[in-house]
Amino acid sequence: MRLALTAFSLALATSACTWVQIAPEAGAVRVIAPGASTTGCEKRGEVAVSVKHSLAFYERNALRVRDELETLARNEAPGIQANTVQPLADPVDGNQRFAAYRCAR
């Protein structure tokens, strides 16, 4: 019981923390909405990213998970010479795929 209470307290205390930091070179990478036009963009590939979506029996805030997934996708984009990422589907169990594009600004 004490272990469960400690785990729950830890999960609550860390639920407000952001675990994923934006890389300096990813600061210029933008995220566009699913289904948004990519006219004038060259597809550079796809990136798959994942984060912990739960801690023991505690489900993390879905908005925070989504934000961290976007940050990870933005961090990956410069490695494939992309400056724009677009979610291909909603996150599932802390996993998400993004299309990566090189777009004229």
PDB file of N, CA and C in Angstrom:
ATOM      1  N   MET A   1       0.825  -1.190   0.000  1.00  0.00           N
ATOM      2  CA  MET A   1       0.000   0.000   0.000  1.00  0.00           C
ATOM      3  C   MET A   1       0.867   1.250   0.000  1.00  0.00           C
ATOM      4  N   ARG A   2       1.904   1.232   0.833  1.00  0.00           N
ATOM      5  CA  ARG A   2       2.795   2.392   0.925  1.00  0.00           C
ATOM      6  C   ARG A   2       3.503   2.628  -0.420  1.00  0.00           C
ATOM      7  N   LEU A   3       3.913   1.555  -1.092  1.00  0.00           N
ATOM      8  CA  LEU A   3       4.570   1.675  -2.389  1.00  0.00           C
ATOM      9  C   LEU A   3       3.618   2.282  -3.417  1.00  0.00           C
ATOM     10  N   ALA A   4       2.376   1.846  -3.432  1.00  0.00           N
ATOM     11  CA  ALA A   4       1.393   2.386  -4.365  1.00  0.00           C
ATOM     12  C   ALA A   4       1.156   3.867  -4.101  1.00  0.00           C
ATOM     13  N   LEU A   5       1.068   4.245  -2.835  1.00  0.00           N
ATOM     14  CA  LEU A   5       0.859   5.649  -2.481  1.00  0.00           C
ATOM     15  C   LEU A   5       2.065   6.493  -2.886  1.00  0.00           C
ATOM     16  N   THR A   6       3.262   5.976  -2.706  1.00  0.00           N
ATOM     17  CA  THR A   6       4.474   6.682  -3.104  1.00  0.00           C
ATOM     18  C   THR A   6       4.514   6.856  -4.621  1.00  0.00           C
ATOM     19  N   ALA A   7       4.191   5.802  -5.355  1.00  0.00           N
ATOM     20  CA  ALA A   7       4.181   5.876  -6.817  1.00  0.00           C
ATOM     21  C   ALA A   7       3.150   6.883  -7.297  1.00  0.00           C
ATOM     22  N   PHE A   8       1.980   6.886  -6.690  1.00  0.00           N
ATOM     23  CA  PHE A   8       0.930   7.825  -7.065  1.00  0.00           C
ATOM     24  C   PHE A   8       1.364   9.255  -6.775  1.00  0.00           C
ATOM     25  N   SER A   9       1.976   9.494  -5.631  1.00  0.00           N
ATOM     26  CA  SER A   9       2.456  10.829  -5.271  1.00  0.00           C
ATOM     27  C   SER A   9       3.525  11.305  -6.242  1.00  0.00           C
ATOM     28  N   LEU A  10       4.434  10.414  -6.605  1.00  0.00           N
ATOM     29  CA  LEU A  10       5.474  10.749  -7.558  1.00  0.00           C
ATOM     30  C   LEU A  10       4.873  11.083  -8.916  1.00  0.00           C
ATOM     31  N   ALA A  11       3.902  10.305  -9.353  1.00  0.00           N
ATOM     32  CA  ALA A  11       3.251  10.552 -10.641  1.00  0.00           C
ATOM     33  C   ALA A  11       2.559  11.911 -10.639  1.00  0.00           C
ATOM     34  N   LEU A  12       1.871  12.247  -9.578  1.00  0.00           N
ATOM     35  CA  LEU A  12       1.213  13.547  -9.494  1.00  0.00           C
ATOM     36  C   LEU A  12       2.223  14.684  -9.477  1.00  0.00           C
ATOM     37  N   ALA A  13       3.300  14.498  -8.769  1.00  0.00           N
ATOM     38  CA  ALA A  13       4.317  15.543  -8.659  1.00  0.00           C
ATOM     39  C   ALA A  13       5.016  15.796  -9.990  1.00  0.00           C
ATOM     40  N   THR A  14       5.194  14.760 -10.780  1.00  0.00           N
ATOM     41  CA  THR A  14       5.917  14.916 -12.044  1.00  0.00           C
ATOM     42  C   THR A  14       4.995  15.116 -13.238  1.00  0.00           C
ATOM     43  N   SER A  15       3.692  15.075 -13.041  1.00  0.00           N
ATOM     44  CA  SER A  15       2.778  15.191 -14.181  1.00  0.00           C
ATOM     45  C   SER A  15       2.855  16.551 -14.842  1.00  0.00           C
ATOM     46  N   ALA A  16       3.285  17.565 -14.129  1.00  0.00           N
ATOM     47  CA  ALA A  16       3.395  18.903 -14.704  1.00  0.00           C
ATOM     48  C   ALA A  16       4.729  19.118 -15.400  1.00  0.00           C
ATOM     49  N   CYS A  17       5.657  18.211 -15.256  1.00  0.00           N
ATOM     50  CA  CYS A  17       6.982  18.372 -15.845  1.00  0.00           C
ATOM     51  C   CYS A  17       6.957  18.016 -17.325  1.00  0.00           C
ATOM     52  N   THR A  18       7.763  18.717 -18.088  1.00  0.00           N
ATOM     53  CA  THR A  18       7.965  18.363 -19.482  1.00  0.00           C
ATOM     54  C   THR A  18       9.288  17.640 -19.559  1.00  0.00           C
ATOM     55  N   TRP A  19       9.263  16.424 -20.035  1.00  0.00           N
ATOM     56  CA  TRP A  19      10.462  15.600 -20.087  1.00  0.00           C
ATOM     57  C   TRP A  19      11.269  15.854 -21.348  1.00  0.00           C
ATOM     58  N   VAL A  20      10.637  16.348 -22.395  1.00  0.00           N
ATOM     59  CA  VAL A  20      11.294  16.507 -23.684  1.00  0.00           C
ATOM     60  C   VAL A  20      11.591  17.983 -23.923  1.00  0.00           C
ATOM     61  N   GLN A  21      12.844  18.284 -24.202  1.00  0.00           N
ATOM     62  CA  GLN A  21      13.264  19.656 -24.477  1.00  0.00           C
ATOM     63  C   GLN A  21      13.494  19.834 -25.978  1.00  0.00           C
ATOM     64  N   ILE A  22      13.177  21.024 -26.488  1.00  0.00           N
ATOM     65  CA  ILE A  22      13.380  21.313 -27.906  1.00  0.00           C
ATOM     66  C   ILE A  22      14.871  21.534 -28.164  1.00  0.00           C
ATOM     67  N   ALA A  23      15.386  20.916 -29.212  1.00  0.00           N
ATOM     68  CA  ALA A  23      16.779  21.104 -29.610  1.00  0.00           C
ATOM     69  C   ALA A  23      16.911  22.468 -30.287  1.00  0.00           C
ATOM     70  N   PRO A  24      18.058  23.116 -30.147  1.00  0.00           N
ATOM     71  CA  PRO A  24      18.226  24.451 -30.734  1.00  0.00           C
ATOM     72  C   PRO A  24      17.913  24.500 -32.240  1.00  0.00           C
ATOM     73  N   GLU A  25      18.370  23.512 -32.985  1.00  0.00           N
ATOM     74  CA  GLU A  25      18.136  23.515 -34.435  1.00  0.00           C
ATOM     75  C   GLU A  25      16.687  23.192 -34.803  1.00  0.00           C
ATOM     76  N   ALA A  26      15.908  22.705 -33.865  1.00  0.00           N
ATOM     77  CA  ALA A  26      14.509  22.369 -34.122  1.00  0.00           C
ATOM     78  C   ALA A  26      13.572  23.538 -33.841  1.00  0.00           C
ATOM     79  N   GLY A  27      14.094  24.624 -33.315  1.00  0.00           N
ATOM     80  CA  GLY A  27      13.259  25.769 -32.987  1.00  0.00           C
ATOM     81  C   GLY A  27      12.538  26.367 -34.188  1.00  0.00           C
ATOM     82  N   ALA A  28      13.113  26.247 -35.379  1.00  0.00           N
ATOM     83  CA  ALA A  28      12.516  26.810 -36.589  1.00  0.00           C
ATOM     84  C   ALA A  28      11.565  25.840 -37.291  1.00  0.00           C
ATOM     85  N   VAL A  29      11.484  24.608 -36.810  1.00  0.00           N
ATOM     86  CA  VAL A  29      10.608  23.614 -37.431  1.00  0.00           C
ATOM     87  C   VAL A  29       9.172  23.891 -36.990  1.00  0.00           C
ATOM     88  N   ARG A  30       8.273  23.968 -37.951  1.00  0.00           N
ATOM     89  CA  ARG A  30       6.872  24.229 -37.598  1.00  0.00           C
ATOM     90  C   ARG A  30       6.049  22.957 -37.714  1.00  0.00           C
ATOM     91  N   VAL A  31       4.947  22.953 -36.990  1.00  0.00           N
ATOM     92  CA  VAL A  31       4.011  21.833 -37.014  1.00  0.00           C
ATOM     93  C   VAL A  31       2.745  22.335 -37.702  1.00  0.00           C
ATOM     94  N   ILE A  32       2.310  21.617 -38.739  1.00  0.00           N
ATOM     95  CA  ILE A  32       1.068  21.992 -39.414  1.00  0.00           C
ATOM     96  C   ILE A  32      -0.010  20.971 -39.069  1.00  0.00           C
ATOM     97  N   ALA A  33      -1.235  21.400 -39.185  1.00  0.00           N
ATOM     98  CA  ALA A  33      -2.380  20.561 -38.820  1.00  0.00           C
ATOM     99  C   ALA A  33      -2.520  19.372 -39.759  1.00  0.00           C
ATOM    100  N   PRO A  34      -3.064  18.271 -39.244  1.00  0.00           N
ATOM    101  CA  PRO A  34      -3.341  17.125 -40.118  1.00  0.00           C
ATOM    102  C   PRO A  34      -4.279  17.565 -41.244  1.00  0.00           C
ATOM    103  N   GLY A  35      -3.971  17.156 -42.447  1.00  0.00           N
ATOM    104  CA  GLY A  35      -4.814  17.494 -43.589  1.00  0.00           C
ATOM    105  C   GLY A  35      -4.529  18.858 -44.191  1.00  0.00           C
ATOM    106  N   ALA A  36      -3.664  19.661 -43.567  1.00  0.00           N
ATOM    107  CA  ALA A  36      -3.325  20.974 -44.125  1.00  0.00           C
ATOM    108  C   ALA A  36      -2.562  20.782 -45.431  1.00  0.00           C
ATOM    109  N   SER A  37      -2.690  21.748 -46.315  1.00  0.00           N
ATOM    110  CA  SER A  37      -2.040  21.676 -47.613  1.00  0.00           C
ATOM    111  C   SER A  37      -0.523  21.677 -47.473  1.00  0.00           C
ATOM    112  N   THR A  38       0.101  20.828 -48.260  1.00  0.00           N
ATOM    113  CA  THR A  38       1.563  20.786 -48.298  1.00  0.00           C
ATOM    114  C   THR A  38       2.064  21.171 -49.686  1.00  0.00           C
ATOM    115  N   THR A  39       1.252  21.949 -50.408  1.00  0.00           N
ATOM    116  CA  THR A  39       1.648  22.438 -51.721  1.00  0.00           C
ATOM    117  C   THR A  39       2.901  23.292 -51.572  1.00  0.00           C
ATOM    118  N   GLY A  40       3.851  23.072 -52.433  1.00  0.00           N
ATOM    119  CA  GLY A  40       5.105  23.811 -52.362  1.00  0.00           C
ATOM    120  C   GLY A  40       6.109  23.191 -51.406  1.00  0.00           C
ATOM    121  N   CYS A  41       5.798  21.996 -50.918  1.00  0.00           N
ATOM    122  CA  CYS A  41       6.689  21.301 -49.990  1.00  0.00           C
ATOM    123  C   CYS A  41       7.200  20.015 -50.618  1.00  0.00           C
ATOM    124  N   GLU A  42       8.407  19.662 -50.272  1.00  0.00           N
ATOM    125  CA  GLU A  42       8.999  18.399 -50.712  1.00  0.00           C
ATOM    126  C   GLU A  42       8.980  17.435 -49.527  1.00  0.00           C
ATOM    127  N   LYS A  43       8.385  16.270 -49.693  1.00  0.00           N
ATOM    128  CA  LYS A  43       8.352  15.297 -48.608  1.00  0.00           C
ATOM    129  C   LYS A  43       9.746  14.717 -48.418  1.00  0.00           C
ATOM    130  N   ARG A  44      10.225  14.784 -47.171  1.00  0.00           N
ATOM    131  CA  ARG A  44      11.562  14.305 -46.841  1.00  0.00           C
ATOM    132  C   ARG A  44      11.527  12.947 -46.159  1.00  0.00           C
ATOM    133  N   GLY A  45      10.349  12.525 -45.731  1.00  0.00           N
ATOM    134  CA  GLY A  45      10.227  11.224 -45.086  1.00  0.00           C
ATOM    135  C   GLY A  45       9.209  11.260 -43.971  1.00  0.00           C
ATOM    136  N   GLU A  46       9.266  10.254 -43.120  1.00  0.00           N
ATOM    137  CA  GLU A  46       8.378  10.164 -41.967  1.00  0.00           C
ATOM    138  C   GLU A  46       9.223   9.909 -40.723  1.00  0.00           C
ATOM    139  N   VAL A  47       8.719  10.388 -39.593  1.00  0.00           N
ATOM    140  CA  VAL A  47       9.379  10.128 -38.322  1.00  0.00           C
ATOM    141  C   VAL A  47       8.369   9.496 -37.375  1.00  0.00           C
ATOM    142  N   ALA A  48       8.817   8.526 -36.641  1.00  0.00           N
ATOM    143  CA  ALA A  48       7.996   7.881 -35.615  1.00  0.00           C
ATOM    144  C   ALA A  48       8.602   8.241 -34.268  1.00  0.00           C
ATOM    145  N   VAL A  49       7.770   8.732 -33.361  1.00  0.00           N
ATOM    146  CA  VAL A  49       8.249   9.153 -32.049  1.00  0.00           C
ATOM    147  C   VAL A  49       7.389   8.519 -30.968  1.00  0.00           C
ATOM    148  N   SER A  50       7.940   8.420 -29.764  1.00  0.00           N
ATOM    149  CA  SER A  50       7.172   7.844 -28.666  1.00  0.00           C
ATOM    150  C   SER A  50       7.643   8.404 -27.331  1.00  0.00           C
ATOM    151  N   VAL A  51       6.716   8.477 -26.386  1.00  0.00           N
ATOM    152  CA  VAL A  51       6.989   8.891 -25.013  1.00  0.00           C
ATOM    153  C   VAL A  51       6.176   7.997 -24.087  1.00  0.00           C
ATOM    154  N   LYS A  52       6.507   8.027 -22.814  1.00  0.00           N
ATOM    155  CA  LYS A  52       5.712   7.300 -21.823  1.00  0.00           C
ATOM    156  C   LYS A  52       4.348   7.974 -21.706  1.00  0.00           C
ATOM    157  N   HIS A  53       3.292   7.223 -21.885  1.00  0.00           N
ATOM    158  CA  HIS A  53       1.952   7.795 -21.757  1.00  0.00           C
ATOM    159  C   HIS A  53       1.326   7.473 -20.401  1.00  0.00           C
ATOM    160  N   SER A  54       1.992   6.591 -19.649  1.00  0.00           N
ATOM    161  CA  SER A  54       1.489   6.276 -18.311  1.00  0.00           C
ATOM    162  C   SER A  54       2.666   5.935 -17.405  1.00  0.00           C
ATOM    163  N   LEU A  55       2.450   6.137 -16.121  1.00  0.00           N
ATOM    164  CA  LEU A  55       3.426   5.787 -15.091  1.00  0.00           C
ATOM    165  C   LEU A  55       2.712   4.873 -14.112  1.00  0.00           C
ATOM    166  N   ALA A  56       3.099   3.621 -14.096  1.00  0.00           N
ATOM    167  CA  ALA A  56       2.419   2.600 -13.283  1.00  0.00           C
ATOM    168  C   ALA A  56       0.947   2.585 -13.675  1.00  0.00           C
ATOM    169  N   PHE A  57       0.054   2.938 -12.775  1.00  0.00           N
ATOM    170  CA  PHE A  57      -1.380   2.939 -13.077  1.00  0.00           C
ATOM    171  C   PHE A  57      -1.895   4.343 -13.374  1.00  0.00           C
ATOM    172  N   TYR A  58      -1.015   5.326 -13.443  1.00  0.00           N
ATOM    173  CA  TYR A  58      -1.400   6.720 -13.662  1.00  0.00           C
ATOM    174  C   TYR A  58      -1.243   7.091 -15.132  1.00  0.00           C
ATOM    175  N   GLU A  59      -2.324   7.530 -15.775  1.00  0.00           N
ATOM    176  CA  GLU A  59      -2.280   7.989 -17.162  1.00  0.00           C
ATOM    177  C   GLU A  59      -1.837   9.445 -17.186  1.00  0.00           C
ATOM    178  N   ARG A  60      -0.808   9.759 -17.969  1.00  0.00           N
ATOM    179  CA  ARG A  60      -0.335  11.136 -18.091  1.00  0.00           C
ATOM    180  C   ARG A  60      -1.338  11.988 -18.854  1.00  0.00           C
ATOM    181  N   ASN A  61      -1.269  13.275 -18.665  1.00  0.00           N
ATOM    182  CA  ASN A  61      -2.131  14.229 -19.346  1.00  0.00           C
ATOM    183  C   ASN A  61      -1.954  14.080 -20.857  1.00  0.00           C
ATOM    184  N   ALA A  62      -3.045  13.856 -21.579  1.00  0.00           N
ATOM    185  CA  ALA A  62      -2.985  13.606 -23.022  1.00  0.00           C
ATOM    186  C   ALA A  62      -2.425  14.796 -23.788  1.00  0.00           C
ATOM    187  N   LEU A  63      -2.741  16.009 -23.359  1.00  0.00           N
ATOM    188  CA  LEU A  63      -2.225  17.198 -24.030  1.00  0.00           C
ATOM    189  C   LEU A  63      -0.711  17.307 -23.861  1.00  0.00           C
ATOM    190  N   ARG A  64      -0.213  16.977 -22.685  1.00  0.00           N
ATOM    191  CA  ARG A  64       1.226  17.021 -22.435  1.00  0.00           C
ATOM    192  C   ARG A  64       1.941  15.947 -23.269  1.00  0.00           C
ATOM    193  N   VAL A  65       1.350  14.758 -23.358  1.00  0.00           N
ATOM    194  CA  VAL A  65       1.929  13.689 -24.183  1.00  0.00           C
ATOM    195  C   VAL A  65       1.993  14.143 -25.640  1.00  0.00           C
ATOM    196  N   ARG A  66       0.896  14.720 -26.135  1.00  0.00           N
ATOM    197  CA  ARG A  66       0.852  15.202 -27.528  1.00  0.00           C
ATOM    198  C   ARG A  66       1.923  16.275 -27.764  1.00  0.00           C
ATOM    199  N   ASP A  67       2.078  17.192 -26.814  1.00  0.00           N
ATOM    200  CA  ASP A  67       3.071  18.251 -26.921  1.00  0.00           C
ATOM    201  C   ASP A  67       4.483  17.668 -26.988  1.00  0.00           C
ATOM    202  N   GLU A  68       4.764  16.679 -26.155  1.00  0.00           N
ATOM    203  CA  GLU A  68       6.084  16.052 -26.157  1.00  0.00           C
ATOM    204  C   GLU A  68       6.346  15.292 -27.457  1.00  0.00           C
ATOM    205  N   LEU A  69       5.324  14.661 -27.997  1.00  0.00           N
ATOM    206  CA  LEU A  69       5.480  13.959 -29.272  1.00  0.00           C
ATOM    207  C   LEU A  69       5.799  14.954 -30.389  1.00  0.00           C
ATOM    208  N   GLU A  70       5.126  16.095 -30.408  1.00  0.00           N
ATOM    209  CA  GLU A  70       5.420  17.131 -31.402  1.00  0.00           C
ATOM    210  C   GLU A  70       6.847  17.636 -31.253  1.00  0.00           C
ATOM    211  N   THR A  71       7.276  17.843 -30.018  1.00  0.00           N
ATOM    212  CA  THR A  71       8.641  18.309 -29.774  1.00  0.00           C
ATOM    213  C   THR A  71       9.655  17.294 -30.293  1.00  0.00           C
ATOM    214  N   LEU A  72       9.425  16.018 -30.028  1.00  0.00           N
ATOM    215  CA  LEU A  72      10.335  14.979 -30.527  1.00  0.00           C
ATOM    216  C   LEU A  72      10.363  14.965 -32.054  1.00  0.00           C
ATOM    217  N   ALA A  73       9.206  15.105 -32.691  1.00  0.00           N
ATOM    218  CA  ALA A  73       9.151  15.128 -34.157  1.00  0.00           C
ATOM    219  C   ALA A  73       9.916  16.338 -34.689  1.00  0.00           C
ATOM    220  N   ARG A  74       9.748  17.495 -34.047  1.00  0.00           N
ATOM    221  CA  ARG A  74      10.491  18.692 -34.459  1.00  0.00           C
ATOM    222  C   ARG A  74      11.993  18.482 -34.279  1.00  0.00           C
ATOM    223  N   ASN A  75      12.391  17.803 -33.218  1.00  0.00           N
ATOM    224  CA  ASN A  75      13.811  17.521 -32.985  1.00  0.00           C
ATOM    225  C   ASN A  75      14.402  16.620 -34.070  1.00  0.00           C
ATOM    226  N   GLU A  76      13.599  15.716 -34.608  1.00  0.00           N
ATOM    227  CA  GLU A  76      14.071  14.783 -35.645  1.00  0.00           C
ATOM    228  C   GLU A  76      14.145  15.426 -37.029  1.00  0.00           C
ATOM    229  N   ALA A  77      13.320  16.418 -37.283  1.00  0.00           N
ATOM    230  CA  ALA A  77      13.192  17.005 -38.625  1.00  0.00           C
ATOM    231  C   ALA A  77      14.505  17.538 -39.211  1.00  0.00           C
ATOM    232  N   PRO A  78      15.309  18.308 -38.492  1.00  0.00           N
ATOM    233  CA  PRO A  78      16.545  18.815 -39.105  1.00  0.00           C
ATOM    234  C   PRO A  78      17.492  17.720 -39.588  1.00  0.00           C
ATOM    235  N   GLY A  79      17.441  16.558 -38.978  1.00  0.00           N
ATOM    236  CA  GLY A  79      18.296  15.443 -39.383  1.00  0.00           C
ATOM    237  C   GLY A  79      17.990  14.923 -40.772  1.00  0.00           C
ATOM    238  N   ILE A  80      16.792  15.201 -41.264  1.00  0.00           N
ATOM    239  CA  ILE A  80      16.428  14.788 -42.631  1.00  0.00           C
ATOM    240  C   ILE A  80      16.121  16.010 -43.501  1.00  0.00           C
ATOM    241  N   GLN A  81      16.712  17.138 -43.118  1.00  0.00           N
ATOM    242  CA  GLN A  81      16.581  18.403 -43.841  1.00  0.00           C
ATOM    243  C   GLN A  81      15.120  18.830 -44.035  1.00  0.00           C
ATOM    244  N   ALA A  82      14.305  18.624 -43.008  1.00  0.00           N
ATOM    245  CA  ALA A  82      12.899  19.042 -43.042  1.00  0.00           C
ATOM    246  C   ALA A  82      12.729  20.263 -42.147  1.00  0.00           C
ATOM    247  N   ASN A  83      11.797  21.127 -42.520  1.00  0.00           N
ATOM    248  CA  ASN A  83      11.502  22.296 -41.701  1.00  0.00           C
ATOM    249  C   ASN A  83      10.033  22.361 -41.275  1.00  0.00           C
ATOM    250  N   THR A  84       9.281  21.311 -41.605  1.00  0.00           N
ATOM    251  CA  THR A  84       7.862  21.243 -41.274  1.00  0.00           C
ATOM    252  C   THR A  84       7.491  19.795 -40.981  1.00  0.00           C
ATOM    253  N   VAL A  85       6.690  19.583 -39.948  1.00  0.00           N
ATOM    254  CA  VAL A  85       6.179  18.244 -39.666  1.00  0.00           C
ATOM    255  C   VAL A  85       4.655  18.301 -39.575  1.00  0.00           C
ATOM    256  N   GLN A  86       4.030  17.184 -39.913  1.00  0.00           N
ATOM    257  CA  GLN A  86       2.573  17.088 -39.915  1.00  0.00           C
ATOM    258  C   GLN A  86       2.160  15.736 -39.341  1.00  0.00           C
ATOM    259  N   PRO A  87       1.332  15.731 -38.291  1.00  0.00           N
ATOM    260  CA  PRO A  87       0.887  14.451 -37.740  1.00  0.00           C
ATOM    261  C   PRO A  87       0.113  13.649 -38.792  1.00  0.00           C
ATOM    262  N   LEU A  88       0.382  12.367 -38.858  1.00  0.00           N
ATOM    263  CA  LEU A  88      -0.334  11.492 -39.787  1.00  0.00           C
ATOM    264  C   LEU A  88      -1.569  10.879 -39.140  1.00  0.00           C
ATOM    265  N   ALA A  89      -1.582  10.805 -37.827  1.00  0.00           N
ATOM    266  CA  ALA A  89      -2.719  10.264 -37.070  1.00  0.00           C
ATOM    267  C   ALA A  89      -2.590  10.747 -35.633  1.00  0.00           C
ATOM    268  N   ASP A  90      -3.626  10.523 -34.848  1.00  0.00           N
ATOM    269  CA  ASP A  90      -3.582  10.873 -33.432  1.00  0.00           C
ATOM    270  C   ASP A  90      -2.630   9.929 -32.697  1.00  0.00           C
ATOM    271  N   PRO A  91      -2.091  10.376 -31.564  1.00  0.00           N
ATOM    272  CA  PRO A  91      -1.229   9.495 -30.772  1.00  0.00           C
ATOM    273  C   PRO A  91      -1.993   8.289 -30.236  1.00  0.00           C
ATOM    274  N   VAL A  92      -1.302   7.162 -30.176  1.00  0.00           N
ATOM    275  CA  VAL A  92      -1.862   5.938 -29.606  1.00  0.00           C
ATOM    276  C   VAL A  92      -0.820   5.361 -28.653  1.00  0.00           C
ATOM    277  N   ASP A  93      -1.190   5.239 -27.396  1.00  0.00           N
ATOM    278  CA  ASP A  93      -0.296   4.675 -26.375  1.00  0.00           C
ATOM    279  C   ASP A  93       1.084   5.330 -26.368  1.00  0.00           C
ATOM    280  N   GLY A  94       1.126   6.655 -26.551  1.00  0.00           N
ATOM    281  CA  GLY A  94       2.386   7.374 -26.511  1.00  0.00           C
ATOM    282  C   GLY A  94       3.209   7.290 -27.780  1.00  0.00           C
ATOM    283  N   ASN A  95       2.634   6.781 -28.870  1.00  0.00           N
ATOM    284  CA  ASN A  95       3.319   6.659 -30.157  1.00  0.00           C
ATOM    285  C   ASN A  95       2.606   7.497 -31.205  1.00  0.00           C
ATOM    286  N   GLN A  96       3.386   8.109 -32.112  1.00  0.00           N
ATOM    287  CA  GLN A  96       2.783   8.893 -33.187  1.00  0.00           C
ATOM    288  C   GLN A  96       3.751   8.982 -34.358  1.00  0.00           C
ATOM    289  N   ARG A  97       3.187   9.045 -35.560  1.00  0.00           N
ATOM    290  CA  ARG A  97       3.975   9.205 -36.783  1.00  0.00           C
ATOM    291  C   ARG A  97       3.689  10.583 -37.369  1.00  0.00           C
ATOM    292  N   PHE A  98       4.742  11.175 -37.931  1.00  0.00           N
ATOM    293  CA  PHE A  98       4.657  12.488 -38.564  1.00  0.00           C
ATOM    294  C   PHE A  98       5.280  12.413 -39.947  1.00  0.00           C
ATOM    295  N   ALA A  99       4.692  13.128 -40.901  1.00  0.00           N
ATOM    296  CA  ALA A  99       5.329  13.331 -42.194  1.00  0.00           C
ATOM    297  C   ALA A  99       6.252  14.532 -42.027  1.00  0.00           C
ATOM    298  N   ALA A 100       7.416  14.479 -42.675  1.00  0.00           N
ATOM    299  CA  ALA A 100       8.387  15.568 -42.590  1.00  0.00           C
ATOM    300  C   ALA A 100       8.572  16.164 -43.977  1.00  0.00           C
ATOM    301  N   TYR A 101       8.508  17.483 -44.061  1.00  0.00           N
ATOM    302  CA  TYR A 101       8.577  18.201 -45.332  1.00  0.00           C
ATOM    303  C   TYR A 101       9.627  19.301 -45.289  1.00  0.00           C
ATOM    304  N   ARG A 102      10.134  19.620 -46.467  1.00  0.00           N
ATOM    305  CA  ARG A 102      10.959  20.815 -46.666  1.00  0.00           C
ATOM    306  C   ARG A 102      10.073  21.774 -47.456  1.00  0.00           C
ATOM    307  N   CYS A 103       9.640  22.851 -46.802  1.00  0.00           N
ATOM    308  CA  CYS A 103       8.714  23.798 -47.431  1.00  0.00           C
ATOM    309  C   CYS A 103       9.384  25.145 -47.638  1.00  0.00           C
ATOM    310  N   ALA A 104       8.995  25.788 -48.727  1.00  0.00           N
ATOM    311  CA  ALA A 104       9.442  27.167 -48.954  1.00  0.00           C
ATOM    312  C   ALA A 104       8.704  28.035 -47.955  1.00  0.00           C
ATOM    313  N   ARG A 105       9.384  28.974 -47.386  1.00  0.00           N
ATOM    314  CA  ARG A 105       8.747  29.812 -46.348  1.00  0.00           C
ATOM    315  C   ARG A 105       8.069  30.977 -46.933  1.00  0.00           C
TER     316      ARG A 105
END
